[in-house]
Protein backbone atom coordinates (compact mmCIF):
# COMPACT_ATOMS: atom_id res chain seq x y z
CA MET A 1 0.00 0.00 0.00
CA PRO A 2 1.48 3.42 -0.93
CA ASP A 3 2.56 5.68 1.95
CA ASN A 4 0.01 8.33 1.09
CA LEU A 5 -2.77 5.86 1.93
CA SER A 6 -1.62 5.28 5.50
CA ARG A 7 -3.97 6.33 8.28
CA ASN A 8 -4.27 5.69 11.99
CA PRO A 9 -5.63 2.11 12.06
CA ILE A 10 -7.63 2.90 15.18
CA ASN A 11 -9.80 5.48 13.48
CA GLU A 12 -10.96 4.17 10.12
CA LEU A 13 -10.38 1.44 7.58
CA LEU A 14 -11.49 0.59 4.08
CA CYS A 15 -11.67 -3.08 3.09
CA ILE A 16 -12.74 -5.15 0.10
CA SER A 17 -13.78 -8.77 0.51
CA TYR A 18 -15.24 -11.40 -1.82
CA PHE A 19 -17.11 -14.69 -1.57
CA ASP A 20 -15.07 -17.73 -2.51
CA GLU A 21 -17.17 -20.78 -3.44
CA ILE A 22 -14.56 -23.07 -1.85
CA ILE A 23 -13.53 -21.36 1.40
CA GLY A 24 -16.34 -18.84 1.82
CA PRO A 25 -15.86 -15.13 2.59
CA ASN A 26 -12.28 -13.97 2.09
CA LEU A 27 -10.49 -10.65 2.41
CA PHE A 28 -9.18 -9.20 -0.86
CA TYR A 29 -7.59 -5.99 0.39
CA CYS A 30 -7.74 -3.75 3.47
CA SER A 31 -6.02 -0.52 4.45
CA GLU A 32 -4.86 -2.13 7.71
CA ASP A 33 -4.18 -5.63 9.04
CA LEU A 34 -7.29 -6.98 10.77
CA LYS A 35 -5.67 -10.20 11.97
CA ASP A 36 -6.29 -11.13 15.62
CA ASN A 37 -7.80 -7.75 16.48
CA PHE A 38 -10.69 -8.22 18.91
CA ASP A 39 -12.08 -4.72 18.43
CA PHE A 40 -12.63 -4.94 14.68
CA PRO A 41 -15.77 -6.57 13.30
CA ASP A 42 -15.42 -9.86 11.43
CA ILE A 43 -16.03 -8.74 7.85
CA GLY A 44 -16.20 -12.33 6.67
CA ARG A 45 -19.11 -13.06 9.00
CA ILE A 46 -20.95 -10.00 7.71
CA LEU A 47 -20.60 -11.16 4.11
CA GLU A 48 -21.45 -14.75 5.03
CA PHE A 49 -24.85 -13.89 6.45
CA GLN A 50 -25.77 -10.93 4.24
CA ASP A 51 -25.62 -11.85 0.57
CA GLU A 52 -28.29 -9.49 -0.81
CA VAL A 53 -27.05 -6.72 -3.06
CA GLY A 54 -27.25 -3.31 -1.39
CA THR A 55 -25.79 -0.97 1.22
CA PHE A 56 -26.30 -1.35 4.97
CA ILE A 57 -24.87 -0.33 8.35
CA PHE A 58 -23.53 -2.81 10.89
CA ALA A 59 -22.26 -1.85 14.37
CA PHE A 60 -19.73 -3.81 16.40
CA ARG A 61 -18.19 -2.73 19.72
CA LYS A 62 -16.35 0.54 19.20
CA TYR A 63 -16.62 0.42 15.42
CA GLN A 64 -19.45 1.12 13.03
CA THR A 65 -19.35 -0.20 9.48
CA LEU A 66 -20.95 0.87 6.23
CA ASN A 67 -21.03 -2.03 3.77
CA HIS A 68 -21.97 -2.36 0.11
CA ILE A 69 -22.51 -5.78 -1.49
CA PHE A 70 -22.42 -6.08 -5.28
CA TYR A 71 -21.72 -8.47 -8.15
CA ILE A 72 -19.21 -8.17 -10.97
CA ASP A 73 -19.49 -10.08 -14.22
CA SER A 74 -16.95 -12.86 -14.66
CA LYS A 75 -16.60 -15.58 -17.26
CA PHE A 76 -14.55 -17.52 -14.70
CA ALA A 77 -17.13 -17.58 -11.91
CA ARG A 78 -19.92 -20.03 -11.24
CA GLY A 79 -23.10 -18.40 -12.51
CA GLY A 80 -21.08 -15.81 -14.39
CA GLN A 81 -20.68 -13.43 -11.43
CA ASP A 82 -18.46 -12.82 -8.39
CA LEU A 83 -19.86 -11.45 -5.12
CA LEU A 84 -17.88 -8.66 -3.46
CA MET A 85 -18.32 -6.31 -0.50
CA ILE A 86 -16.78 -2.93 0.28
CA SER A 87 -16.64 -2.07 4.00
CA TYR A 88 -15.87 1.31 5.51
CA ILE A 89 -15.01 0.78 9.20
CA PHE A 90 -15.33 3.88 11.29
CA ARG A 91 -14.67 4.73 14.95
CA ALA A 92 -16.96 7.62 15.81
CA ALA A 93 -15.28 8.49 19.11
CA TYR A 94 -12.27 9.92 17.26
CA PHE A 95 -14.22 12.40 15.16
CA LYS A 96 -15.94 15.57 16.12
CA ASN A 97 -17.59 18.70 14.67
CA GLU A 98 -21.19 17.65 15.27
CA ILE A 99 -21.12 13.99 14.27
CA VAL A 100 -23.82 13.43 16.85
CA ASP A 101 -25.90 11.22 14.58
CA VAL A 102 -23.51 8.53 13.36
CA PHE A 103 -26.29 6.80 11.43
CA LYS A 104 -26.95 9.97 9.44
CA TYR A 105 -23.26 10.41 8.68
CA LEU A 106 -22.88 6.85 7.41
CA GLU A 107 -26.13 7.07 5.46
CA SER A 108 -24.71 10.12 3.68
CA LYS A 109 -21.77 8.00 2.47
CA LYS A 110 -23.82 5.23 0.83
CA SER A 111 -23.51 6.75 -2.63
CA VAL A 112 -19.71 6.85 -2.24
CA LEU A 113 -19.55 3.08 -1.79
CA GLU A 114 -21.99 2.54 -4.65
CA ASN A 115 -19.89 4.69 -6.99
CA TYR A 116 -16.75 2.89 -5.83
CA ALA A 117 -18.35 -0.44 -6.70
CA SER A 118 -19.21 0.84 -10.18
CA ASP A 119 -15.59 1.82 -10.79
CA LEU A 120 -14.30 -1.53 -9.53
CA LYS A 121 -16.54 -3.28 -12.02
CA ASN A 122 -14.64 -1.50 -14.78
CA LEU A 123 -11.29 -2.99 -13.75
CA ASN A 124 -11.00 -5.63 -16.47
CA GLU A 125 -8.31 -7.65 -14.72
CA LEU A 126 -10.27 -8.07 -11.47
CA PRO A 127 -12.28 -11.18 -12.51
CA SER A 128 -9.18 -13.09 -13.63
CA LEU A 129 -7.31 -12.09 -10.43
CA LEU A 130 -10.17 -13.39 -8.31
CA LYS A 131 -10.07 -16.63 -10.31
CA ASN A 132 -6.36 -17.06 -9.57
CA ILE A 133 -6.73 -16.61 -5.81
CA LYS A 134 -9.95 -18.58 -5.26
CA GLY A 135 -9.64 -21.50 -2.89
CA LYS A 136 -6.44 -20.09 -1.40
CA LYS A 137 -5.72 -18.51 1.96
CA LEU A 138 -2.96 -16.23 0.79
CA GLN A 139 -0.22 -15.17 3.21
CA GLY A 140 0.69 -12.11 1.17
CA ASN A 141 -1.17 -9.45 -0.74
CA PRO A 142 -3.16 -10.88 -3.70
CA LEU A 143 -2.43 -7.70 -5.62
CA GLU A 144 1.13 -8.96 -6.00
CA LEU A 145 -0.27 -11.42 -8.54
CA SER A 146 -1.67 -8.61 -10.71
CA SER A 147 -0.07 -6.40 -13.32
CA ASN A 148 1.49 -3.02 -12.55
CA ASP A 149 -1.24 -1.25 -14.50
CA PHE A 150 -3.95 -2.98 -12.46
CA ARG A 151 -2.26 -2.16 -9.14
CA ASN A 152 -1.81 1.48 -10.07
CA GLU A 153 -5.45 1.84 -11.07
CA PHE A 154 -6.65 -0.10 -8.03
CA PHE A 155 -4.74 2.10 -5.56
CA LYS A 156 -5.78 5.24 -7.40
CA LEU A 157 -9.44 4.33 -6.90
CA PHE A 158 -8.83 3.14 -3.34
CA GLU A 159 -7.30 6.46 -2.31
CA LYS A 160 -9.95 8.48 -4.14
CA TYR A 161 -12.85 6.84 -2.34
CA PHE A 162 -11.14 6.54 1.02
CA LYS A 163 -10.74 10.34 0.99
CA LYS A 164 -14.41 10.78 0.11
CA LEU A 165 -15.47 8.53 3.00
CA SER A 166 -13.15 9.97 5.60
CA PRO A 167 -14.11 12.90 7.87
CA THR A 168 -11.70 15.79 7.52
CA PHE A 169 -11.68 16.57 11.23
CA GLN A 170 -10.34 14.61 14.18
CA ILE A 171 -11.04 14.79 17.86
CA GLU A 172 -8.60 16.06 20.42
CA THR A 173 -8.34 13.65 23.33
CA PRO A 174 -7.68 15.39 26.66
CA TYR A 175 -8.05 12.06 28.47
CA HIS A 176 -5.83 10.21 26.02
CA SER A 177 -3.43 8.71 28.57
CA LYS A 178 -6.00 8.03 31.28
CA LYS A 179 -7.95 4.81 31.72
CA VAL A 180 -11.18 3.73 33.37
CA PHE A 181 -10.51 0.22 34.67
CA ILE A 182 -13.26 -2.40 35.17
CA PHE A 183 -12.53 -5.21 37.61
CA GLY A 184 -14.50 -8.04 39.17
CA LYS A 185 -14.81 -11.81 39.18
CA ARG A 186 -15.20 -13.88 36.03
CA TYR A 187 -18.78 -13.94 34.67
CA ALA A 188 -19.76 -10.86 36.67
CA GLY A 189 -20.67 -9.07 33.44
CA LYS A 190 -17.62 -6.89 32.72
CA THR A 191 -17.48 -7.60 28.99
CA THR A 192 -21.26 -7.45 28.64
CA PHE A 193 -21.32 -4.07 30.37
CA LEU A 194 -18.64 -2.71 28.04
CA LYS A 195 -20.45 -3.96 24.94
CA ASN A 196 -23.76 -2.53 26.17
CA ILE A 197 -22.48 0.97 26.78
CA GLU A 198 -20.85 0.92 23.35
CA ALA A 199 -24.21 -0.08 21.85
CA ILE A 200 -25.94 2.71 23.76
CA GLN A 201 -23.32 5.11 22.41
CA PHE A 202 -24.12 4.09 18.84
CA TYR A 203 -27.89 3.58 18.88
CA ASP A 204 -29.06 6.05 21.50
CA GLN A 205 -26.82 9.07 21.12
CA THR A 206 -29.57 11.59 20.44
CA ASN A 207 -31.41 10.54 23.61
CA SER A 208 -28.39 10.90 25.88
CA ASP A 209 -27.99 14.01 28.02
CA LEU A 210 -24.27 13.36 28.38
CA PRO A 211 -22.00 15.52 26.20
CA THR A 212 -21.32 13.21 23.27
CA ARG A 213 -17.57 13.68 23.06
CA ILE A 214 -17.01 13.24 26.80
CA TYR A 215 -19.13 10.08 26.81
CA GLU A 216 -17.28 8.63 23.83
CA LEU A 217 -13.87 9.44 25.26
CA VAL A 218 -14.72 7.69 28.50
CA ILE A 219 -15.96 4.59 26.65
CA ASP A 220 -12.93 4.62 24.40
CA ASN A 221 -10.60 4.50 27.40
CA ILE A 222 -12.35 1.78 29.41
CA GLU A 223 -10.12 -1.24 29.99
CA ILE A 224 -10.89 -4.54 31.73
CA LEU A 225 -8.41 -5.06 34.58
CA THR A 226 -7.32 -8.65 35.09
CA TYR A 227 -7.06 -10.40 38.43
CA ASP A 228 -3.33 -10.80 37.81
CA CYS A 229 -2.91 -7.04 37.94
CA ILE A 230 -4.47 -6.88 41.38
CA GLU A 231 -2.82 -10.03 42.74
CA ARG A 232 0.62 -8.77 41.74
CA ASP A 233 0.01 -5.37 43.31
CA PHE A 234 -0.05 -3.70 39.90
CA GLU A 235 3.47 -4.79 39.00
CA CYS A 236 2.49 -7.18 36.18
CA GLU A 237 3.56 -6.83 32.56
CA LYS A 238 0.29 -5.18 31.55
CA CYS A 239 0.75 -2.50 34.20
CA ASN A 240 4.28 -1.87 32.97
CA ASN A 241 2.86 -1.29 29.50
CA TYR A 242 0.56 1.38 30.89
CA GLY A 243 3.29 2.87 33.07
CA GLY A 244 1.41 1.59 36.11
CA CYS A 245 -2.35 0.99 36.06
CA LEU A 246 -2.94 3.21 39.07
CA ASN A 247 -0.94 6.07 37.63
CA GLN A 248 -3.05 5.87 34.48
CA ALA A 249 -6.40 5.38 36.22
CA GLN A 250 -8.94 8.15 36.03
CA ALA A 251 -11.64 5.96 37.59
CA PHE A 252 -12.51 2.39 38.50
CA ILE A 253 -15.65 0.33 37.94
CA LEU A 254 -16.19 -2.65 40.23
CA MET A 255 -18.57 -5.20 38.71
CA ILE A 256 -20.33 -7.57 41.14
CA ASN A 257 -22.64 -10.49 40.45
CA ILE A 258 -25.12 -9.83 43.26
CA ALA A 259 -26.72 -13.24 42.83
CA GLU A 260 -23.60 -14.93 44.23
CA LYS A 261 -22.87 -14.13 47.88
CA ASN A 262 -19.57 -16.03 47.93
CA SER A 263 -18.15 -14.02 45.06
CA ILE A 264 -19.00 -10.79 46.87
CA VAL A 265 -16.99 -11.86 49.92
CA GLU A 266 -14.05 -12.89 47.72
CA LEU A 267 -14.06 -9.47 46.03
CA LYS A 268 -13.66 -7.58 49.29
CA GLU A 269 -9.88 -8.15 49.43
CA LYS A 270 -9.43 -7.09 45.80
CA PHE A 271 -11.53 -4.01 46.33
CA GLN A 272 -9.49 -3.05 49.39
CA LYS A 273 -6.27 -3.29 47.39
CA ILE A 274 -7.67 -0.81 44.89
CA VAL A 275 -8.80 1.50 47.69
CA ASN A 276 -5.40 1.34 49.39
CA ARG A 277 -3.53 2.24 46.23
CA CYS A 278 -5.98 5.04 45.40
CA GLU A 279 -5.35 6.51 48.83
CA GLU A 280 -1.61 6.31 48.35
CA ILE A 281 -1.35 7.66 44.81
CA GLU A 282 -4.41 9.80 44.13
CA ASN A 283 -5.17 10.99 47.65
CA PHE A 284 -8.83 9.88 47.61
CA ILE A 285 -9.71 11.63 44.33
CA THR A 286 -10.10 8.59 42.05
CA PRO A 287 -13.84 7.78 41.79
CA ILE A 288 -15.00 4.18 42.05
CA LEU A 289 -18.32 3.17 40.51
CA ILE A 290 -19.70 -0.07 41.94
CA ILE A 291 -22.27 -1.91 39.83
CA GLY A 292 -24.21 -4.84 41.24
CA ASN A 293 -25.26 -6.85 38.21
CA LYS A 294 -28.78 -8.20 38.67
CA ILE A 295 -28.85 -11.45 36.69
CA ASN A 296 -32.25 -12.23 35.15
CA ASN A 297 -34.65 -14.21 37.36
CA LYS A 298 -32.11 -14.72 40.14
CA GLU A 299 -32.49 -13.60 43.74
CA VAL A 300 -30.10 -10.77 44.51
CA ILE A 301 -28.27 -9.56 47.60
CA ASP A 302 -29.73 -6.36 49.07
CA SER A 303 -27.81 -3.10 49.05
CA ASP A 304 -27.25 -3.03 52.81
CA TYR A 305 -25.14 -6.18 52.57
CA ILE A 306 -23.00 -4.59 49.82
CA TYR A 307 -22.48 -1.41 51.84
CA THR A 308 -21.52 -3.42 54.92
CA THR A 309 -19.21 -5.89 53.17
CA PHE A 310 -17.22 -3.19 51.38
CA ASN A 311 -17.42 -0.59 54.18
CA LEU A 312 -18.80 1.89 51.67
CA LYS A 313 -20.30 4.29 54.21
CA GLU A 314 -17.02 4.57 56.13
CA LEU A 315 -15.05 5.16 52.94
CA GLN A 316 -17.50 7.83 51.80
CA ASP A 317 -17.18 9.57 55.16
CA CYS A 318 -13.40 9.56 54.69
CA GLY A 319 -13.76 11.41 51.40
CA MET A 320 -13.62 8.55 48.92
CA LYS A 321 -15.69 9.18 45.78
CA LEU A 322 -17.71 6.00 45.34
CA LYS A 323 -21.28 5.03 44.53
CA TYR A 324 -23.20 1.76 44.36
CA PHE A 325 -25.80 1.05 41.65
CA PRO A 326 -27.73 -2.26 41.43
CA ILE A 327 -28.47 -2.67 37.69
CA ASN A 328 -29.56 -5.38 35.29
CA ILE A 329 -26.90 -4.49 32.74
CA ALA A 330 -28.62 -6.50 30.01
CA LYS A 331 -31.86 -4.53 30.21
CA GLU A 332 -31.71 -1.33 32.26
CA ASN A 333 -30.07 1.17 29.91
CA LYS A 334 -31.42 4.19 31.77
CA LYS A 335 -29.80 3.03 35.00
CA ILE A 336 -26.55 2.36 33.16
CA MET A 337 -26.60 5.95 31.90
CA GLN A 338 -27.38 7.21 35.40
CA ALA A 339 -24.31 5.37 36.74
CA LEU A 340 -22.10 6.73 33.95
CA ARG A 341 -23.36 10.26 34.61
CA TRP A 342 -22.25 9.92 38.20
CA LEU A 343 -18.83 8.60 37.16
CA ILE A 344 -18.21 11.31 34.55
CA HIS A 345 -19.35 14.02 36.96
CA HIS A 346 -16.66 12.93 39.43
CA MET A 347 -13.98 12.51 36.77
CA ILE A 348 -14.08 16.05 35.35
């Protein structure tokens, strides 16, 4: 890929994939390497389950995608046509200047993908190149098998349409180096909570009374803290990467499964380690949001037990910024937003 096509891989990507009759969906070309990246959507899965021609939006975690599926004529393909998909992958949290309605922004770019597809259809060498790579999981770039003329024209079109898709403004990130760490026992709902607030960010932005950019920056910097970090007193390899989790922490979220009393007792020691380090490093100013996850149809522990077990009242009286919210994180979006409002209020 030419240097002038390089962009920050976190912010946006443009990818082209195709359907191989032998191995199924396969990536043809992408502006960045998607391999083993948990945050990026699986483009192959999108193409596998959506084979109707047209343009549509698909959201996944922190990324939103605009996709266009189309056919190109090919004398080499079964049925005389090859199925392709163009995907523009976009991370809204890194863009500003009134992109409040992400749906509307992506909708406005549909014609760009459609025009790009029309131009790709006019690349005469494309059908034969697809024929040569079908049934193969290539280690390198399939464009290496094409002629110089084809590559030049392909990259010319790629750059042209990537520029048309891309916003021309980028967000400044005042909280860039700071993290909001989630911790708790396995199966308490940490990952589910993170996915849900990302979904709320995408689907319910216009109904949120939180400033959009602040909300997105907080979500963008949430990280799940492993038990190893706590057990090793924040001296593990991950903490070294961050320069020390506590030094980089702007807030903590403790996730509790309040249907399991034993797990609550086990968390007390971990919670106290966090509190002790907050007192040492941040002098009581790091807020801690405590969420009691109410699992569907299960009896839950009452709030008094939580306050007593974690000594919340005493810590509050000592000046610690902490708050407990019992929430069904799978269903109660309004309560999730209420908890995040409290956290953001005490972070800024």
